[in-house]
Amino acid sequence: MFAHLAASLHTLGLTAQSRLRRDEKGATMVEYGLMVALIAVVVVAALLTLGPKIAGLFTKVQGQLGA
């Protein structure tokens, strides 16, 4: 899942770079919006995946400090 999202983000970045190299004025607001949305999806997916693991790590450290 993450590999597909990362590949899509990479492709979107390459598309934006190629358009900038063709002496266009720059990426449109729609392209920027798509990039921001894709980044937000990746961040949310990472937090949902890693969130419980990080919470468990802090709980474990808290238990060891209290002992």
PDB file of N, CA and C in Angstrom:
ATOM      1  N   MET A   1       0.825  -1.187   0.000  1.00  0.00           N
ATOM      2  CA  MET A   1       0.000   0.000   0.000  1.00  0.00           C
ATOM      3  C   MET A   1       0.871   1.253   0.000  1.00  0.00           C
ATOM      4  N   PHE A   2       1.865   1.288   0.912  1.00  0.00           N
ATOM      5  CA  PHE A   2       2.720   2.460   0.999  1.00  0.00           C
ATOM      6  C   PHE A   2       3.592   2.597  -0.238  1.00  0.00           C
ATOM      7  N   ALA A   3       4.013   1.477  -0.816  1.00  0.00           N
ATOM      8  CA  ALA A   3       4.839   1.533  -2.015  1.00  0.00           C
ATOM      9  C   ALA A   3       4.057   2.167  -3.161  1.00  0.00           C
ATOM     10  N   HIS A   4       2.776   1.822  -3.267  1.00  0.00           N
ATOM     11  CA  HIS A   4       1.942   2.388  -4.332  1.00  0.00           C
ATOM     12  C   HIS A   4       1.756   3.888  -4.120  1.00  0.00           C
ATOM     13  N   LEU A   5       1.528   4.306  -2.884  1.00  0.00           N
ATOM     14  CA  LEU A   5       1.348   5.728  -2.598  1.00  0.00           C
ATOM     15  C   LEU A   5       2.643   6.495  -2.844  1.00  0.00           C
ATOM     16  N   ALA A   6       3.766   5.900  -2.441  1.00  0.00           N
ATOM     17  CA  ALA A   6       5.047   6.559  -2.661  1.00  0.00           C
ATOM     18  C   ALA A   6       5.343   6.672  -4.151  1.00  0.00           C
ATOM     19  N   ALA A   7       5.016   5.632  -4.909  1.00  0.00           N
ATOM     20  CA  ALA A   7       5.232   5.673  -6.356  1.00  0.00           C
ATOM     21  C   ALA A   7       4.352   6.735  -6.995  1.00  0.00           C
ATOM     22  N   SER A   8       3.112   6.863  -6.542  1.00  0.00           N
ATOM     23  CA  SER A   8       2.217   7.881  -7.081  1.00  0.00           C
ATOM     24  C   SER A   8       2.725   9.281  -6.760  1.00  0.00           C
ATOM     25  N   LEU A   9       3.207   9.469  -5.534  1.00  0.00           N
ATOM     26  CA  LEU A   9       3.748  10.766  -5.142  1.00  0.00           C
ATOM     27  C   LEU A   9       4.979  11.098  -5.973  1.00  0.00           C
ATOM     28  N   HIS A  10       5.827  10.108  -6.199  1.00  0.00           N
ATOM     29  CA  HIS A  10       7.029  10.307  -7.004  1.00  0.00           C
ATOM     30  C   HIS A  10       6.654  10.681  -8.434  1.00  0.00           C
ATOM     31  N   THR A  11       5.696   9.980  -9.004  1.00  0.00           N
ATOM     32  CA  THR A  11       5.246  10.268 -10.366  1.00  0.00           C
ATOM     33  C   THR A  11       4.663  11.672 -10.460  1.00  0.00           C
ATOM     34  N   LEU A  12       3.882  12.059  -9.469  1.00  0.00           N
ATOM     35  CA  LEU A  12       3.299  13.398  -9.458  1.00  0.00           C
ATOM     36  C   LEU A  12       4.392  14.460  -9.388  1.00  0.00           C
ATOM     37  N   GLY A  13       5.412  14.211  -8.585  1.00  0.00           N
ATOM     38  CA  GLY A  13       6.534  15.140  -8.490  1.00  0.00           C
ATOM     39  C   GLY A  13       7.288  15.259  -9.805  1.00  0.00           C
ATOM     40  N   LEU A  14       7.514  14.124 -10.458  1.00  0.00           N
ATOM     41  CA  LEU A  14       8.210  14.144 -11.751  1.00  0.00           C
ATOM     42  C   LEU A  14       7.391  14.885 -12.803  1.00  0.00           C
ATOM     43  N   THR A  15       6.081  14.707 -12.778  1.00  0.00           N
ATOM     44  CA  THR A  15       5.215  15.409 -13.724  1.00  0.00           C
ATOM     45  C   THR A  15       5.301  16.918 -13.505  1.00  0.00           C
ATOM     46  N   ALA A  16       5.276  17.336 -12.261  1.00  0.00           N
ATOM     47  CA  ALA A  16       5.374  18.766 -11.960  1.00  0.00           C
ATOM     48  C   ALA A  16       6.722  19.316 -12.413  1.00  0.00           C
ATOM     49  N   GLN A  17       7.804  18.550 -12.184  1.00  0.00           N
ATOM     50  CA  GLN A  17       9.128  19.006 -12.613  1.00  0.00           C
ATOM     51  C   GLN A  17       9.211  19.135 -14.129  1.00  0.00           C
ATOM     52  N   SER A  18       8.669  18.171 -14.845  1.00  0.00           N
ATOM     53  CA  SER A  18       8.743  18.223 -16.303  1.00  0.00           C
ATOM     54  C   SER A  18       7.958  19.416 -16.849  1.00  0.00           C
ATOM     55  N   ARG A  19       6.847  19.747 -16.216  1.00  0.00           N
ATOM     56  CA  ARG A  19       6.074  20.906 -16.662  1.00  0.00           C
ATOM     57  C   ARG A  19       6.820  22.202 -16.388  1.00  0.00           C
ATOM     58  N   LEU A  20       7.529  22.255 -15.261  1.00  0.00           N
ATOM     59  CA  LEU A  20       8.297  23.454 -14.951  1.00  0.00           C
ATOM     60  C   LEU A  20       9.459  23.626 -15.927  1.00  0.00           C
ATOM     61  N   ARG A  21      10.048  22.540 -16.367  1.00  0.00           N
ATOM     62  CA  ARG A  21      11.171  22.606 -17.301  1.00  0.00           C
ATOM     63  C   ARG A  21      10.738  23.052 -18.688  1.00  0.00           C
ATOM     64  N   ARG A  22       9.478  22.893 -19.030  1.00  0.00           N
ATOM     65  CA  ARG A  22       8.987  23.289 -20.342  1.00  0.00           C
ATOM     66  C   ARG A  22       8.641  24.772 -20.391  1.00  0.00           C
ATOM     67  N   ASP A  23       9.198  25.540 -19.484  1.00  0.00           N
ATOM     68  CA  ASP A  23       8.999  26.991 -19.435  1.00  0.00           C
ATOM     69  C   ASP A  23       7.540  27.378 -19.250  1.00  0.00           C
ATOM     70  N   GLU A  24       6.798  26.565 -18.559  1.00  0.00           N
ATOM     71  CA  GLU A  24       5.444  26.974 -18.193  1.00  0.00           C
ATOM     72  C   GLU A  24       5.532  27.862 -16.966  1.00  0.00           C
ATOM     73  N   LYS A  25       4.475  28.532 -16.663  1.00  0.00           N
ATOM     74  CA  LYS A  25       4.475  29.445 -15.528  1.00  0.00           C
ATOM     75  C   LYS A  25       4.621  28.724 -14.191  1.00  0.00           C
ATOM     76  N   GLY A  26       4.341  27.453 -14.148  1.00  0.00           N
ATOM     77  CA  GLY A  26       4.434  26.673 -12.923  1.00  0.00           C
ATOM     78  C   GLY A  26       3.227  25.774 -12.788  1.00  0.00           C
ATOM     79  N   ALA A  27       3.242  25.027 -11.733  1.00  0.00           N
ATOM     80  CA  ALA A  27       2.134  24.112 -11.500  1.00  0.00           C
ATOM     81  C   ALA A  27       0.886  24.895 -11.115  1.00  0.00           C
ATOM     82  N   THR A  28      -0.238  24.383 -11.506  1.00  0.00           N
ATOM     83  CA  THR A  28      -1.497  25.055 -11.175  1.00  0.00           C
ATOM     84  C   THR A  28      -1.886  24.744  -9.737  1.00  0.00           C
ATOM     85  N   MET A  29      -2.848  25.479  -9.250  1.00  0.00           N
ATOM     86  CA  MET A  29      -3.320  25.249  -7.884  1.00  0.00           C
ATOM     87  C   MET A  29      -3.901  23.850  -7.741  1.00  0.00           C
ATOM     88  N   VAL A  30      -4.473  23.322  -8.796  1.00  0.00           N
ATOM     89  CA  VAL A  30      -5.027  21.972  -8.734  1.00  0.00           C
ATOM     90  C   VAL A  30      -3.915  20.964  -8.505  1.00  0.00           C
ATOM     91  N   GLU A  31      -2.796  21.132  -9.194  1.00  0.00           N
ATOM     92  CA  GLU A  31      -1.677  20.208  -9.002  1.00  0.00           C
ATOM     93  C   GLU A  31      -1.119  20.310  -7.591  1.00  0.00           C
ATOM     94  N   TYR A  32      -0.983  21.531  -7.090  1.00  0.00           N
ATOM     95  CA  TYR A  32      -0.525  21.695  -5.713  1.00  0.00           C
ATOM     96  C   TYR A  32      -1.512  21.059  -4.735  1.00  0.00           C
ATOM     97  N   GLY A  33      -2.782  21.232  -4.991  1.00  0.00           N
ATOM     98  CA  GLY A  33      -3.795  20.620  -4.128  1.00  0.00           C
ATOM     99  C   GLY A  33      -3.714  19.106  -4.142  1.00  0.00           C
ATOM    100  N   LEU A  34      -3.488  18.528  -5.315  1.00  0.00           N
ATOM    101  CA  LEU A  34      -3.343  17.073  -5.402  1.00  0.00           C
ATOM    102  C   LEU A  34      -2.112  16.584  -4.652  1.00  0.00           C
ATOM    103  N   MET A  35      -1.017  17.327  -4.769  1.00  0.00           N
ATOM    104  CA  MET A  35       0.199  16.921  -4.053  1.00  0.00           C
ATOM    105  C   MET A  35      -0.018  16.992  -2.546  1.00  0.00           C
ATOM    106  N   VAL A  36      -0.648  18.047  -2.075  1.00  0.00           N
ATOM    107  CA  VAL A  36      -0.910  18.189  -0.638  1.00  0.00           C
ATOM    108  C   VAL A  36      -1.846  17.076  -0.161  1.00  0.00           C
ATOM    109  N   ALA A  37      -2.864  16.768  -0.950  1.00  0.00           N
ATOM    110  CA  ALA A  37      -3.792  15.699  -0.572  1.00  0.00           C
ATOM    111  C   ALA A  37      -3.088  14.355  -0.520  1.00  0.00           C
ATOM    112  N   LEU A  38      -2.228  14.081  -1.474  1.00  0.00           N
ATOM    113  CA  LEU A  38      -1.511  12.809  -1.484  1.00  0.00           C
ATOM    114  C   LEU A  38      -0.560  12.709  -0.299  1.00  0.00           C
ATOM    115  N   ILE A  39       0.123  13.795   0.012  1.00  0.00           N
ATOM    116  CA  ILE A  39       1.004  13.811   1.177  1.00  0.00           C
ATOM    117  C   ILE A  39       0.195  13.579   2.450  1.00  0.00           C
ATOM    118  N   ALA A  40      -0.978  14.192   2.550  1.00  0.00           N
ATOM    119  CA  ALA A  40      -1.828  14.010   3.727  1.00  0.00           C
ATOM    120  C   ALA A  40      -2.269  12.558   3.857  1.00  0.00           C
ATOM    121  N   VAL A  41      -2.590  11.912   2.745  1.00  0.00           N
ATOM    122  CA  VAL A  41      -2.988  10.497   2.790  1.00  0.00           C
ATOM    123  C   VAL A  41      -1.835   9.640   3.279  1.00  0.00           C
ATOM    124  N   VAL A  42      -0.629   9.914   2.812  1.00  0.00           N
ATOM    125  CA  VAL A  42       0.544   9.140   3.244  1.00  0.00           C
ATOM    126  C   VAL A  42       0.791   9.344   4.737  1.00  0.00           C
ATOM    127  N   VAL A  43       0.672  10.584   5.206  1.00  0.00           N
ATOM    128  CA  VAL A  43       0.904  10.867   6.629  1.00  0.00           C
ATOM    129  C   VAL A  43      -0.144  10.168   7.492  1.00  0.00           C
ATOM    130  N   VAL A  44      -1.400  10.233   7.101  1.00  0.00           N
ATOM    131  CA  VAL A  44      -2.467   9.580   7.870  1.00  0.00           C
ATOM    132  C   VAL A  44      -2.257   8.064   7.892  1.00  0.00           C
ATOM    133  N   ALA A  45      -1.903   7.486   6.755  1.00  0.00           N
ATOM    134  CA  ALA A  45      -1.663   6.042   6.703  1.00  0.00           C
ATOM    135  C   ALA A  45      -0.498   5.651   7.600  1.00  0.00           C
ATOM    136  N   ALA A  46       0.560   6.455   7.595  1.00  0.00           N
ATOM    137  CA  ALA A  46       1.712   6.164   8.452  1.00  0.00           C
ATOM    138  C   ALA A  46       1.341   6.274   9.926  1.00  0.00           C
ATOM    139  N   LEU A  47       0.560   7.289  10.275  1.00  0.00           N
ATOM    140  CA  LEU A  47       0.155   7.450  11.670  1.00  0.00           C
ATOM    141  C   LEU A  47      -0.762   6.311  12.127  1.00  0.00           C
ATOM    142  N   LEU A  48      -1.653   5.892  11.257  1.00  0.00           N
ATOM    143  CA  LEU A  48      -2.537   4.791  11.617  1.00  0.00           C
ATOM    144  C   LEU A  48      -1.763   3.490  11.797  1.00  0.00           C
ATOM    145  N   THR A  49      -0.722   3.313  11.009  1.00  0.00           N
ATOM    146  CA  THR A  49       0.079   2.095  11.100  1.00  0.00           C
ATOM    147  C   THR A  49       1.023   2.141  12.292  1.00  0.00           C
ATOM    148  N   LEU A  50       1.711   3.255  12.469  1.00  0.00           N
ATOM    149  CA  LEU A  50       2.741   3.348  13.498  1.00  0.00           C
ATOM    150  C   LEU A  50       2.218   3.846  14.838  1.00  0.00           C
ATOM    151  N   GLY A  51       1.050   4.471  14.859  1.00  0.00           N
ATOM    152  CA  GLY A  51       0.514   5.043  16.095  1.00  0.00           C
ATOM    153  C   GLY A  51       0.428   4.069  17.259  1.00  0.00           C
ATOM    154  N   PRO A  52      -0.209   2.908  17.078  1.00  0.00           N
ATOM    155  CA  PRO A  52      -0.289   1.962  18.192  1.00  0.00           C
ATOM    156  C   PRO A  52       1.078   1.444  18.646  1.00  0.00           C
ATOM    157  N   LYS A  53       1.995   1.272  17.707  1.00  0.00           N
ATOM    158  CA  LYS A  53       3.340   0.800  18.074  1.00  0.00           C
ATOM    159  C   LYS A  53       4.068   1.841  18.906  1.00  0.00           C
ATOM    160  N   ILE A  54       3.944   3.103  18.521  1.00  0.00           N
ATOM    161  CA  ILE A  54       4.600   4.176  19.269  1.00  0.00           C
ATOM    162  C   ILE A  54       3.960   4.327  20.644  1.00  0.00           C
ATOM    163  N   ALA A  55       2.639   4.234  20.712  1.00  0.00           N
ATOM    164  CA  ALA A  55       1.954   4.326  22.008  1.00  0.00           C
ATOM    165  C   ALA A  55       2.389   3.186  22.922  1.00  0.00           C
ATOM    166  N   GLY A  56       2.525   1.982  22.352  1.00  0.00           N
ATOM    167  CA  GLY A  56       2.996   0.842  23.142  1.00  0.00           C
ATOM    168  C   GLY A  56       4.408   1.050  23.642  1.00  0.00           C
ATOM    169  N   LEU A  57       5.257   1.645  22.826  1.00  0.00           N
ATOM    170  CA  LEU A  57       6.633   1.916  23.234  1.00  0.00           C
ATOM    171  C   LEU A  57       6.661   2.893  24.402  1.00  0.00           C
ATOM    172  N   PHE A  58       5.869   3.957  24.325  1.00  0.00           N
ATOM    173  CA  PHE A  58       5.834   4.928  25.426  1.00  0.00           C
ATOM    174  C   PHE A  58       5.261   4.300  26.696  1.00  0.00           C
ATOM    175  N   THR A  59       4.277   3.450  26.566  1.00  0.00           N
ATOM    176  CA  THR A  59       3.707   2.766  27.722  1.00  0.00           C
ATOM    177  C   THR A  59       4.757   1.861  28.375  1.00  0.00           C
ATOM    178  N   LYS A  60       5.505   1.173  27.546  1.00  0.00           N
ATOM    179  CA  LYS A  60       6.573   0.286  28.068  1.00  0.00           C
ATOM    180  C   LYS A  60       7.632   1.092  28.797  1.00  0.00           C
ATOM    181  N   VAL A  61       8.060   2.218  28.217  1.00  0.00           N
ATOM    182  CA  VAL A  61       9.068   3.062  28.857  1.00  0.00           C
ATOM    183  C   VAL A  61       8.536   3.644  30.159  1.00  0.00           C
ATOM    184  N   GLN A  62       7.267   4.055  30.138  1.00  0.00           N
ATOM    185  CA  GLN A  62       6.666   4.604  31.359  1.00  0.00           C
ATOM    186  C   GLN A  62       6.624   3.543  32.453  1.00  0.00           C
ATOM    187  N   GLY A  63       6.295   2.304  32.086  1.00  0.00           N
ATOM    188  CA  GLY A  63       6.262   1.226  33.074  1.00  0.00           C
ATOM    189  C   GLY A  63       7.640   0.939  33.650  1.00  0.00           C
ATOM    190  N   GLN A  64       8.664   0.993  32.824  1.00  0.00           N
ATOM    191  CA  GLN A  64      10.028   0.743  33.298  1.00  0.00           C
ATOM    192  C   GLN A  64      10.528   1.886  34.179  1.00  0.00           C
ATOM    193  N   LEU A  65      10.122   3.111  33.870  1.00  0.00           N
ATOM    194  CA  LEU A  65      10.544   4.240  34.712  1.00  0.00           C
ATOM    195  C   LEU A  65       9.846   4.205  36.075  1.00  0.00           C
ATOM    196  N   GLY A  66       8.624   3.734  36.103  1.00  0.00           N
ATOM    197  CA  GLY A  66       7.893   3.668  37.356  1.00  0.00           C
ATOM    198  C   GLY A  66       8.392   2.552  38.262  1.00  0.00           C
ATOM    199  N   ALA A  67       9.051   1.569  37.699  1.00  0.00           N
ATOM    200  CA  ALA A  67       9.490   0.414  38.490  1.00  0.00           C
ATOM    201  C   ALA A  67      10.739   0.636  39.247  1.00  0.00           C
TER     202      ALA A  67
END
